[in-house]
PDB file of all heavy atoms in Angstrom:
ATOM      1  N   ILE A   1      -3.229 -10.850  -7.676  1.00  0.00           N
ATOM      2  CA  ILE A   1      -2.640 -11.305  -8.933  1.00  0.00           C
ATOM      3  C   ILE A   1      -3.632 -12.225  -9.625  1.00  0.00           C
ATOM      4  O   ILE A   1      -4.055 -13.240  -9.064  1.00  0.00           O
ATOM      5  CB  ILE A   1      -1.307 -12.031  -8.666  1.00  0.00           C
ATOM      6  CG1 ILE A   1      -0.330 -11.091  -7.952  1.00  0.00           C
ATOM      7  CG2 ILE A   1      -0.714 -12.546  -9.971  1.00  0.00           C
ATOM      8  CD1 ILE A   1       0.932 -11.767  -7.473  1.00  0.00           C
ATOM      9  N   HIS A   2      -4.010 -11.858 -10.837  1.00  0.00           N
ATOM     10  CA  HIS A   2      -4.992 -12.616 -11.594  1.00  0.00           C
ATOM     11  C   HIS A   2      -4.297 -13.598 -12.534  1.00  0.00           C
ATOM     12  O   HIS A   2      -3.299 -13.255 -13.182  1.00  0.00           O
ATOM     13  CB  HIS A   2      -5.889 -11.671 -12.411  1.00  0.00           C
ATOM     14  CG  HIS A   2      -6.736 -10.781 -11.556  1.00  0.00           C
ATOM     15  ND1 HIS A   2      -8.100 -10.933 -11.439  1.00  0.00           N
ATOM     16  CD2 HIS A   2      -6.421  -9.716 -10.761  1.00  0.00           C
ATOM     17  CE1 HIS A   2      -8.590 -10.010 -10.632  1.00  0.00           C
ATOM     18  NE2 HIS A   2      -7.584  -9.249 -10.203  1.00  0.00           N
ATOM     19  N   GLY A   3      -4.830 -14.807 -12.613  1.00  0.00           N
ATOM     20  CA  GLY A   3      -4.271 -15.825 -13.482  1.00  0.00           C
ATOM     21  C   GLY A   3      -4.741 -15.683 -14.915  1.00  0.00           C
ATOM     22  O   GLY A   3      -5.497 -14.767 -15.260  1.00  0.00           O
ATOM     23  N   PRO A   4      -4.320 -16.631 -15.797  1.00  0.00           N
ATOM     24  CA  PRO A   4      -4.706 -16.572 -17.210  1.00  0.00           C
ATOM     25  C   PRO A   4      -6.212 -16.603 -17.432  1.00  0.00           C
ATOM     26  O   PRO A   4      -6.701 -16.099 -18.450  1.00  0.00           O
ATOM     27  CB  PRO A   4      -4.037 -17.818 -17.798  1.00  0.00           C
ATOM     28  CG  PRO A   4      -2.888 -18.110 -16.882  1.00  0.00           C
ATOM     29  CD  PRO A   4      -3.368 -17.725 -15.520  1.00  0.00           C
ATOM     30  N   ASP A   5      -6.943 -17.188 -16.481  1.00  0.00           N
ATOM     31  CA  ASP A   5      -8.402 -17.233 -16.626  1.00  0.00           C
ATOM     32  C   ASP A   5      -9.078 -15.965 -16.131  1.00  0.00           C
ATOM     33  O   ASP A   5     -10.311 -15.850 -16.146  1.00  0.00           O
ATOM     34  CB  ASP A   5      -8.976 -18.442 -15.893  1.00  0.00           C
ATOM     35  CG  ASP A   5      -8.693 -18.420 -14.382  1.00  0.00           C
ATOM     36  OD1 ASP A   5      -8.006 -17.474 -13.916  1.00  0.00           O
ATOM     37  OD2 ASP A   5      -9.145 -19.341 -13.681  1.00  0.00           O
ATOM     38  N   GLY A   6      -8.280 -15.002 -15.679  1.00  0.00           N
ATOM     39  CA  GLY A   6      -8.825 -13.737 -15.204  1.00  0.00           C
ATOM     40  C   GLY A   6      -9.183 -13.727 -13.741  1.00  0.00           C
ATOM     41  O   GLY A   6      -9.428 -12.659 -13.159  1.00  0.00           O
ATOM     42  N   ARG A   7      -9.227 -14.890 -13.105  1.00  0.00           N
ATOM     43  CA  ARG A   7      -9.579 -14.949 -11.688  1.00  0.00           C
ATOM     44  C   ARG A   7      -8.361 -14.687 -10.803  1.00  0.00           C
ATOM     45  O   ARG A   7      -7.231 -14.893 -11.222  1.00  0.00           O
ATOM     46  CB  ARG A   7     -10.172 -16.326 -11.365  1.00  0.00           C
ATOM     47  CG  ARG A   7     -11.473 -16.622 -12.096  1.00  0.00           C
ATOM     48  CD  ARG A   7     -11.998 -17.995 -11.713  1.00  0.00           C
ATOM     49  NE  ARG A   7     -13.261 -18.299 -12.395  1.00  0.00           N
ATOM     50  CZ  ARG A   7     -13.931 -19.425 -12.232  1.00  0.00           C
ATOM     51  NH1 ARG A   7     -13.477 -20.365 -11.401  1.00  0.00           N
ATOM     52  NH2 ARG A   7     -15.067 -19.616 -12.889  1.00  0.00           N
ATOM     53  N   VAL A   8      -8.642 -14.269  -9.579  1.00  0.00           N
ATOM     54  CA  VAL A   8      -7.548 -14.002  -8.639  1.00  0.00           C
ATOM     55  C   VAL A   8      -6.906 -15.326  -8.249  1.00  0.00           C
ATOM     56  O   VAL A   8      -7.558 -16.223  -7.704  1.00  0.00           O
ATOM     57  CB  VAL A   8      -8.062 -13.264  -7.380  1.00  0.00           C
ATOM     58  CG1 VAL A   8      -6.926 -13.105  -6.365  1.00  0.00           C
ATOM     59  CG2 VAL A   8      -8.633 -11.901  -7.761  1.00  0.00           C
ATOM     60  N   SER A   9      -5.610 -15.451  -8.544  1.00  0.00           N
ATOM     61  CA  SER A   9      -4.872 -16.668  -8.191  1.00  0.00           C
ATOM     62  C   SER A   9      -4.130 -16.523  -6.876  1.00  0.00           C
ATOM     63  O   SER A   9      -3.798 -17.519  -6.224  1.00  0.00           O
ATOM     64  CB  SER A   9      -3.876 -17.017  -9.298  1.00  0.00           C
ATOM     65  OG  SER A   9      -2.929 -15.974  -9.476  1.00  0.00           O
ATOM     66  N   LYS A  10      -3.858 -15.284  -6.480  1.00  0.00           N
ATOM     67  CA  LYS A  10      -3.123 -15.067  -5.232  1.00  0.00           C
ATOM     68  C   LYS A  10      -3.331 -13.632  -4.772  1.00  0.00           C
ATOM     69  O   LYS A  10      -3.411 -12.703  -5.585  1.00  0.00           O
ATOM     70  CB  LYS A  10      -1.631 -15.321  -5.448  1.00  0.00           C
ATOM     71  CG  LYS A  10      -0.767 -14.975  -4.234  1.00  0.00           C
ATOM     72  CD  LYS A  10       0.712 -15.153  -4.537  1.00  0.00           C
ATOM     73  CE  LYS A  10       1.163 -16.536  -4.146  1.00  0.00           C
ATOM     74  NZ  LYS A  10       2.650 -16.665  -4.238  1.00  0.00           N
ATOM     75  N   THR A  11      -3.470 -13.448  -3.461  1.00  0.00           N
ATOM     76  CA  THR A  11      -3.406 -12.117  -2.862  1.00  0.00           C
ATOM     77  C   THR A  11      -2.192 -12.081  -1.949  1.00  0.00           C
ATOM     78  O   THR A  11      -1.940 -13.041  -1.198  1.00  0.00           O
ATOM     79  CB  THR A  11      -4.678 -11.768  -2.062  1.00  0.00           C
ATOM     80  OG1 THR A  11      -4.880 -12.744  -1.053  1.00  0.00           O
ATOM     81  CG2 THR A  11      -5.886 -11.703  -2.975  1.00  0.00           C
ATOM     82  N   THR A  12      -1.432 -11.016  -2.015  1.00  0.00           N
ATOM     83  CA  THR A  12      -0.175 -10.960  -1.280  1.00  0.00           C
ATOM     84  C   THR A  12       0.202  -9.514  -0.989  1.00  0.00           C
ATOM     85  O   THR A  12      -0.257  -8.584  -1.673  1.00  0.00           O
ATOM     86  CB  THR A  12       0.956 -11.624  -2.091  1.00  0.00           C
ATOM     87  OG1 THR A  12       2.173 -11.595  -1.357  1.00  0.00           O
ATOM     88  CG2 THR A  12       1.181 -10.899  -3.410  1.00  0.00           C
ATOM     89  N   LYS A  13       1.021  -9.317   0.008  1.00  0.00           N
ATOM     90  CA  LYS A  13       1.578  -7.988   0.260  1.00  0.00           C
ATOM     91  C   LYS A  13       2.649  -7.712  -0.785  1.00  0.00           C
ATOM     92  O   LYS A  13       3.410  -8.607  -1.164  1.00  0.00           O
ATOM     93  CB  LYS A  13       2.183  -7.907   1.669  1.00  0.00           C
ATOM     94  CG  LYS A  13       1.166  -8.043   2.792  1.00  0.00           C
ATOM     95  CD  LYS A  13       1.743  -7.649   4.136  1.00  0.00           C
ATOM     96  CE  LYS A  13       1.954  -6.158   4.222  1.00  0.00           C
ATOM     97  NZ  LYS A  13       2.230  -5.699   5.607  1.00  0.00           N
ATOM     98  N   TRP A  14       2.710  -6.489  -1.269  1.00  0.00           N
ATOM     99  CA  TRP A  14       3.716  -6.122  -2.258  1.00  0.00           C
ATOM    100  C   TRP A  14       4.816  -5.254  -1.637  1.00  0.00           C
ATOM    101  O   TRP A  14       5.734  -4.819  -2.329  1.00  0.00           O
ATOM    102  CB  TRP A  14       3.071  -5.385  -3.429  1.00  0.00           C
ATOM    103  CG  TRP A  14       2.271  -4.168  -3.042  1.00  0.00           C
ATOM    104  CD1 TRP A  14       0.959  -4.136  -2.702  1.00  0.00           C
ATOM    105  CD2 TRP A  14       2.738  -2.823  -2.951  1.00  0.00           C
ATOM    106  NE1 TRP A  14       0.569  -2.857  -2.400  1.00  0.00           N
ATOM    107  CE2 TRP A  14       1.645  -2.033  -2.539  1.00  0.00           C
ATOM    108  CE3 TRP A  14       3.969  -2.202  -3.167  1.00  0.00           C
ATOM    109  CZ2 TRP A  14       1.742  -0.659  -2.348  1.00  0.00           C
ATOM    110  CZ3 TRP A  14       4.083  -0.837  -2.980  1.00  0.00           C
ATOM    111  CH2 TRP A  14       2.971  -0.073  -2.571  1.00  0.00           C
ATOM    112  N   HIS A  15       4.691  -5.030  -0.324  1.00  0.00           N
ATOM    113  CA  HIS A  15       5.685  -4.196   0.344  1.00  0.00           C
ATOM    114  C   HIS A  15       5.893  -4.720   1.757  1.00  0.00           C
ATOM    115  O   HIS A  15       5.028  -5.400   2.330  1.00  0.00           O
ATOM    116  CB  HIS A  15       5.220  -2.744   0.409  1.00  0.00           C
ATOM    117  CG  HIS A  15       4.007  -2.568   1.279  1.00  0.00           C
ATOM    118  ND1 HIS A  15       4.077  -2.161   2.586  1.00  0.00           N
ATOM    119  CD2 HIS A  15       2.701  -2.788   1.032  1.00  0.00           C
ATOM    120  CE1 HIS A  15       2.854  -2.139   3.096  1.00  0.00           C
ATOM    121  NE2 HIS A  15       2.006  -2.507   2.179  1.00  0.00           N
ATOM    122  N   GLU A  16       7.026  -4.397   2.308  1.00  0.00           N
ATOM    123  CA  GLU A  16       7.358  -4.778   3.675  1.00  0.00           C
ATOM    124  C   GLU A  16       7.126  -3.576   4.586  1.00  0.00           C
ATOM    125  O   GLU A  16       7.628  -2.477   4.308  1.00  0.00           O
ATOM    126  CB  GLU A  16       8.819  -5.214   3.738  1.00  0.00           C
ATOM    127  CG  GLU A  16       9.241  -5.838   5.054  1.00  0.00           C
ATOM    128  CD  GLU A  16      10.681  -6.313   5.024  1.00  0.00           C
ATOM    129  OE1 GLU A  16      11.403  -6.021   4.049  1.00  0.00           O
ATOM    130  OE2 GLU A  16      11.093  -6.971   5.997  1.00  0.00           O
ATOM    131  N   ASP A  17       6.375  -3.773   5.652  1.00  0.00           N
ATOM    132  CA  ASP A  17       6.128  -2.700   6.608  1.00  0.00           C
ATOM    133  C   ASP A  17       7.268  -2.602   7.610  1.00  0.00           C
ATOM    134  O   ASP A  17       8.071  -3.523   7.770  1.00  0.00           O
ATOM    135  CB  ASP A  17       4.832  -2.952   7.385  1.00  0.00           C
ATOM    136  CG  ASP A  17       3.613  -2.928   6.491  1.00  0.00           C
ATOM    137  OD1 ASP A  17       3.644  -2.209   5.480  1.00  0.00           O
ATOM    138  OD2 ASP A  17       2.637  -3.628   6.809  1.00  0.00           O
ATOM    139  N   ALA A  18       7.311  -1.482   8.314  1.00  0.00           N
ATOM    140  CA  ALA A  18       8.229  -1.353   9.440  1.00  0.00           C
ATOM    141  C   ALA A  18       7.693  -2.158  10.618  1.00  0.00           C
ATOM    142  O   ALA A  18       6.486  -2.399  10.724  1.00  0.00           O
ATOM    143  CB  ALA A  18       8.375   0.115   9.832  1.00  0.00           C
ATOM    144  N   GLU A  19       8.589  -2.577  11.482  1.00  0.00           N
ATOM    145  CA  GLU A  19       8.154  -3.267  12.691  1.00  0.00           C
ATOM    146  C   GLU A  19       7.388  -2.291  13.587  1.00  0.00           C
ATOM    147  O   GLU A  19       7.785  -1.127  13.725  1.00  0.00           O
ATOM    148  CB  GLU A  19       9.368  -3.805  13.453  1.00  0.00           C
ATOM    149  CG  GLU A  19      10.153  -4.867  12.707  1.00  0.00           C
ATOM    150  CD  GLU A  19       9.363  -6.137  12.497  1.00  0.00           C
ATOM    151  OE1 GLU A  19       8.506  -6.450  13.350  1.00  0.00           O
ATOM    152  OE2 GLU A  19       9.579  -6.813  11.469  1.00  0.00           O
ATOM    153  N   PRO A  20       6.282  -2.726  14.203  1.00  0.00           N
ATOM    154  CA  PRO A  20       5.563  -1.839  15.129  1.00  0.00           C
ATOM    155  C   PRO A  20       6.504  -1.341  16.223  1.00  0.00           C
ATOM    156  O   PRO A  20       7.252  -2.120  16.811  1.00  0.00           O
ATOM    157  CB  PRO A  20       4.468  -2.750  15.701  1.00  0.00           C
ATOM    158  CG  PRO A  20       4.286  -3.815  14.680  1.00  0.00           C
ATOM    159  CD  PRO A  20       5.654  -4.047  14.077  1.00  0.00           C
ATOM    160  N   SER A  21       6.482  -0.040  16.469  1.00  0.00           N
ATOM    161  CA  SER A  21       7.420   0.539  17.424  1.00  0.00           C
ATOM    162  C   SER A  21       6.917   1.904  17.886  1.00  0.00           C
ATOM    163  O   SER A  21       6.344   2.650  17.084  1.00  0.00           O
ATOM    164  CB  SER A  21       8.790   0.701  16.756  1.00  0.00           C
ATOM    165  OG  SER A  21       9.643   1.506  17.535  1.00  0.00           O
ATOM    166  N   PRO A  22       7.152   2.249  19.154  1.00  0.00           N
ATOM    167  CA  PRO A  22       6.801   3.601  19.616  1.00  0.00           C
ATOM    168  C   PRO A  22       7.607   4.683  18.910  1.00  0.00           C
ATOM    169  O   PRO A  22       7.244   5.858  18.977  1.00  0.00           O
ATOM    170  CB  PRO A  22       7.155   3.560  21.109  1.00  0.00           C
ATOM    171  CG  PRO A  22       7.191   2.121  21.478  1.00  0.00           C
ATOM    172  CD  PRO A  22       7.661   1.404  20.253  1.00  0.00           C
ATOM    173  N   SER A  23       8.687   4.300  18.225  1.00  0.00           N
ATOM    174  CA  SER A  23       9.525   5.286  17.548  1.00  0.00           C
ATOM    175  C   SER A  23       9.098   5.529  16.107  1.00  0.00           C
ATOM    176  O   SER A  23       9.643   6.403  15.443  1.00  0.00           O
ATOM    177  CB  SER A  23      10.995   4.840  17.572  1.00  0.00           C
ATOM    178  OG  SER A  23      11.189   3.691  16.780  1.00  0.00           O
ATOM    179  N   ILE A  24       8.115   4.745  15.610  1.00  0.00           N
ATOM    180  CA  ILE A  24       7.674   4.882  14.218  1.00  0.00           C
ATOM    181  C   ILE A  24       6.157   5.080  14.206  1.00  0.00           C
ATOM    182  O   ILE A  24       5.396   4.125  14.341  1.00  0.00           O
ATOM    183  CB  ILE A  24       8.053   3.637  13.390  1.00  0.00           C
ATOM    184  CG1 ILE A  24       9.567   3.431  13.403  1.00  0.00           C
ATOM    185  CG2 ILE A  24       7.543   3.767  11.960  1.00  0.00           C
ATOM    186  CD1 ILE A  24      10.022   2.156  12.736  1.00  0.00           C
ATOM    187  N   PRO A  25       5.693   6.305  14.055  1.00  0.00           N
ATOM    188  CA  PRO A  25       4.245   6.553  14.125  1.00  0.00           C
ATOM    189  C   PRO A  25       3.481   6.061  12.899  1.00  0.00           C
ATOM    190  O   PRO A  25       2.288   5.794  12.984  1.00  0.00           O
ATOM    191  CB  PRO A  25       4.154   8.081  14.252  1.00  0.00           C
ATOM    192  CG  PRO A  25       5.420   8.583  13.631  1.00  0.00           C
ATOM    193  CD  PRO A  25       6.462   7.548  13.923  1.00  0.00           C
ATOM    194  N   TYR A  26       4.164   5.955  11.743  1.00  0.00           N
ATOM    195  CA  TYR A  26       3.489   5.550  10.513  1.00  0.00           C
ATOM    196  C   TYR A  26       4.262   4.383   9.890  1.00  0.00           C
ATOM    197  O   TYR A  26       5.136   4.587   9.042  1.00  0.00           O
ATOM    198  CB  TYR A  26       3.410   6.727   9.529  1.00  0.00           C
ATOM    199  CG  TYR A  26       2.880   7.990  10.166  1.00  0.00           C
ATOM    200  CD1 TYR A  26       3.722   9.073  10.422  1.00  0.00           C
ATOM    201  CD2 TYR A  26       1.548   8.088  10.538  1.00  0.00           C
ATOM    202  CE1 TYR A  26       3.243  10.225  11.022  1.00  0.00           C
ATOM    203  CE2 TYR A  26       1.062   9.239  11.141  1.00  0.00           C
ATOM    204  CZ  TYR A  26       1.918  10.305  11.384  1.00  0.00           C
ATOM    205  OH  TYR A  26       1.440  11.441  11.987  1.00  0.00           O
ATOM    206  N   PRO A  27       3.955   3.154  10.285  1.00  0.00           N
ATOM    207  CA  PRO A  27       4.722   2.011   9.774  1.00  0.00           C
ATOM    208  C   PRO A  27       4.381   1.626   8.339  1.00  0.00           C
ATOM    209  O   PRO A  27       5.129   0.894   7.710  1.00  0.00           O
ATOM    210  CB  PRO A  27       4.347   0.879  10.742  1.00  0.00           C
ATOM    211  CG  PRO A  27       3.007   1.266  11.280  1.00  0.00           C
ATOM    212  CD  PRO A  27       2.992   2.761  11.330  1.00  0.00           C
ATOM    213  N   GLU A  28       3.252   2.116   7.810  1.00  0.00           N
ATOM    214  CA  GLU A  28       2.835   1.785   6.447  1.00  0.00           C
ATOM    215  C   GLU A  28       2.776   3.037   5.587  1.00  0.00           C
ATOM    216  O   GLU A  28       2.553   4.146   6.088  1.00  0.00           O
ATOM    217  CB  GLU A  28       1.445   1.141   6.437  1.00  0.00           C
ATOM    218  CG  GLU A  28       1.370  -0.252   7.003  1.00  0.00           C
ATOM    219  CD  GLU A  28       0.014  -0.890   6.737  1.00  0.00           C
ATOM    220  OE1 GLU A  28      -0.880  -0.188   6.221  1.00  0.00           O
ATOM    221  OE2 GLU A  28      -0.147  -2.073   7.040  1.00  0.00           O
ATOM    222  N   LEU A  29       2.977   2.850   4.286  1.00  0.00           N
ATOM    223  CA  LEU A  29       2.807   3.962   3.360  1.00  0.00           C
ATOM    224  C   LEU A  29       1.322   4.240   3.135  1.00  0.00           C
ATOM    225  O   LEU A  29       0.465   3.428   3.464  1.00  0.00           O
ATOM    226  CB  LEU A  29       3.515   3.665   2.040  1.00  0.00           C
ATOM    227  CG  LEU A  29       3.107   2.426   1.241  1.00  0.00           C
ATOM    228  CD1 LEU A  29       1.860   2.669   0.410  1.00  0.00           C
ATOM    229  CD2 LEU A  29       4.244   1.997   0.329  1.00  0.00           C
ATOM    230  N   ALA A  30       1.033   5.393   2.582  1.00  0.00           N
ATOM    231  CA  ALA A  30      -0.328   5.754   2.193  1.00  0.00           C
ATOM    232  C   ALA A  30      -0.346   5.971   0.686  1.00  0.00           C
ATOM    233  O   ALA A  30       0.648   6.407   0.103  1.00  0.00           O
ATOM    234  CB  ALA A  30      -0.774   7.025   2.918  1.00  0.00           C
ATOM    235  N   SER A  31      -1.459   5.642   0.050  1.00  0.00           N
ATOM    236  CA  SER A  31      -1.582   5.817  -1.394  1.00  0.00           C
ATOM    237  C   SER A  31      -2.613   6.893  -1.699  1.00  0.00           C
ATOM    238  O   SER A  31      -3.708   6.890  -1.129  1.00  0.00           O
ATOM    239  CB  SER A  31      -2.006   4.504  -2.063  1.00  0.00           C
ATOM    240  OG  SER A  31      -0.991   3.527  -1.968  1.00  0.00           O
ATOM    241  N   THR A  32      -2.252   7.778  -2.600  1.00  0.00           N
ATOM    242  CA  THR A  32      -3.178   8.834  -2.969  1.00  0.00           C
ATOM    243  C   THR A  32      -2.836   9.361  -4.348  1.00  0.00           C
ATOM    244  O   THR A  32      -1.673   9.346  -4.770  1.00  0.00           O
ATOM    245  CB  THR A  32      -3.141   9.997  -1.960  1.00  0.00           C
ATOM    246  OG1 THR A  32      -4.042  11.024  -2.380  1.00  0.00           O
ATOM    247  CG2 THR A  32      -1.755  10.587  -1.848  1.00  0.00           C
ATOM    248  N   SER A  33      -3.842   9.798  -5.065  1.00  0.00           N
ATOM    249  CA  SER A  33      -3.608  10.498  -6.324  1.00  0.00           C
ATOM    250  C   SER A  33      -2.780  11.744  -6.049  1.00  0.00           C
ATOM    251  O   SER A  33      -3.061  12.504  -5.117  1.00  0.00           O
ATOM    252  CB  SER A  33      -4.948  10.895  -6.948  1.00  0.00           C
ATOM    253  OG  SER A  33      -4.789  11.923  -7.902  1.00  0.00           O
ATOM    254  N   GLN A  34      -1.745  11.965  -6.863  1.00  0.00           N
ATOM    255  CA  GLN A  34      -0.923  13.163  -6.663  1.00  0.00           C
ATOM    256  C   GLN A  34      -1.760  14.427  -6.818  1.00  0.00           C
ATOM    257  O   GLN A  34      -1.536  15.415  -6.112  1.00  0.00           O
ATOM    258  CB  GLN A  34       0.245  13.187  -7.646  1.00  0.00           C
ATOM    259  CG  GLN A  34       1.185  14.364  -7.420  1.00  0.00           C
ATOM    260  CD  GLN A  34       2.413  14.309  -8.312  1.00  0.00           C
ATOM    261  OE1 GLN A  34       3.011  13.256  -8.502  1.00  0.00           O
ATOM    262  NE2 GLN A  34       2.796  15.447  -8.865  1.00  0.00           N
ATOM    263  N   ALA A  35      -2.717  14.394  -7.718  1.00  0.00           N
ATOM    264  CA  ALA A  35      -3.570  15.564  -7.906  1.00  0.00           C
ATOM    265  C   ALA A  35      -4.349  15.895  -6.640  1.00  0.00           C
ATOM    266  O   ALA A  35      -4.462  17.068  -6.241  1.00  0.00           O
ATOM    267  CB  ALA A  35      -4.530  15.333  -9.067  1.00  0.00           C
ATOM    268  N   GLU A  36      -4.901  14.866  -5.981  1.00  0.00           N
ATOM    269  CA  GLU A  36      -5.633  15.096  -4.733  1.00  0.00           C
ATOM    270  C   GLU A  36      -4.689  15.547  -3.622  1.00  0.00           C
ATOM    271  O   GLU A  36      -5.033  16.398  -2.795  1.00  0.00           O
ATOM    272  CB  GLU A  36      -6.375  13.815  -4.326  1.00  0.00           C
ATOM    273  CG  GLU A  36      -7.460  13.379  -5.287  1.00  0.00           C
ATOM    274  CD  GLU A  36      -8.539  14.434  -5.447  1.00  0.00           C
ATOM    275  OE1 GLU A  36      -9.046  14.923  -4.409  1.00  0.00           O
ATOM    276  OE2 GLU A  36      -8.876  14.780  -6.592  1.00  0.00           O
ATOM    277  N   PHE A  37      -3.498  14.967  -3.592  1.00  0.00           N
ATOM    278  CA  PHE A  37      -2.498  15.359  -2.604  1.00  0.00           C
ATOM    279  C   PHE A  37      -2.121  16.828  -2.770  1.00  0.00           C
ATOM    280  O   PHE A  37      -2.017  17.587  -1.797  1.00  0.00           O
ATOM    281  CB  PHE A  37      -1.275  14.455  -2.752  1.00  0.00           C
ATOM    282  CG  PHE A  37      -0.123  14.787  -1.842  1.00  0.00           C
ATOM    283  CD1 PHE A  37      -0.314  15.065  -0.500  1.00  0.00           C
ATOM    284  CD2 PHE A  37       1.175  14.800  -2.337  1.00  0.00           C
ATOM    285  CE1 PHE A  37       0.762  15.361   0.336  1.00  0.00           C
ATOM    286  CE2 PHE A  37       2.255  15.095  -1.516  1.00  0.00           C
ATOM    287  CZ  PHE A  37       2.046  15.377  -0.182  1.00  0.00           C
ATOM    288  N   GLU A  38      -1.930  17.247  -4.019  1.00  0.00           N
ATOM    289  CA  GLU A  38      -1.578  18.646  -4.264  1.00  0.00           C
ATOM    290  C   GLU A  38      -2.698  19.589  -3.836  1.00  0.00           C
ATOM    291  O   GLU A  38      -2.433  20.713  -3.383  1.00  0.00           O
ATOM    292  CB  GLU A  38      -1.225  18.846  -5.736  1.00  0.00           C
ATOM    293  CG  GLU A  38       0.115  18.224  -6.115  1.00  0.00           C
ATOM    294  CD  GLU A  38       0.439  18.368  -7.586  1.00  0.00           C
ATOM    295  OE1 GLU A  38      -0.316  19.081  -8.295  1.00  0.00           O
ATOM    296  OE2 GLU A  38       1.432  17.772  -8.046  1.00  0.00           O
ATOM    297  N   LYS A  39      -3.946  19.163  -3.971  1.00  0.00           N
ATOM    298  CA  LYS A  39      -5.056  19.997  -3.492  1.00  0.00           C
ATOM    299  C   LYS A  39      -4.934  20.240  -1.990  1.00  0.00           C
ATOM    300  O   LYS A  39      -5.173  21.351  -1.500  1.00  0.00           O
ATOM    301  CB  LYS A  39      -6.398  19.324  -3.799  1.00  0.00           C
ATOM    302  CG  LYS A  39      -6.804  19.340  -5.260  1.00  0.00           C
ATOM    303  CD  LYS A  39      -8.157  18.636  -5.442  1.00  0.00           C
ATOM    304  CE  LYS A  39      -8.554  18.540  -6.895  1.00  0.00           C
ATOM    305  NZ  LYS A  39      -9.839  17.802  -7.059  1.00  0.00           N
ATOM    306  N   VAL A  40      -4.590  19.185  -1.239  1.00  0.00           N
ATOM    307  CA  VAL A  40      -4.405  19.321   0.208  1.00  0.00           C
ATOM    308  C   VAL A  40      -3.278  20.302   0.496  1.00  0.00           C
ATOM    309  O   VAL A  40      -3.387  21.180   1.377  1.00  0.00           O
ATOM    310  CB  VAL A  40      -4.099  17.944   0.845  1.00  0.00           C
ATOM    311  CG1 VAL A  40      -3.714  18.093   2.312  1.00  0.00           C
ATOM    312  CG2 VAL A  40      -5.300  17.021   0.715  1.00  0.00           C
ATOM    313  N   LEU A  41      -2.168  20.181  -0.239  1.00  0.00           N
ATOM    314  CA  LEU A  41      -1.032  21.075  -0.022  1.00  0.00           C
ATOM    315  C   LEU A  41      -1.397  22.517  -0.370  1.00  0.00           C
ATOM    316  O   LEU A  41      -1.018  23.450   0.356  1.00  0.00           O
ATOM    317  CB  LEU A  41       0.165  20.608  -0.854  1.00  0.00           C
ATOM    318  CG  LEU A  41       0.767  19.246  -0.494  1.00  0.00           C
ATOM    319  CD1 LEU A  41       1.916  18.910  -1.433  1.00  0.00           C
ATOM    320  CD2 LEU A  41       1.241  19.217   0.952  1.00  0.00           C
TER     321      LEU A  41
END
């Protein structure tokens, strides 16, 4: 998050992850361009 002077005033998580667990193989989301994702599909 950048302040009025343009500099970074804070870095923070914007999402809550799942608790680490053997029952959850992917506790975090992944980000990708939909266009690139569709190429994979």
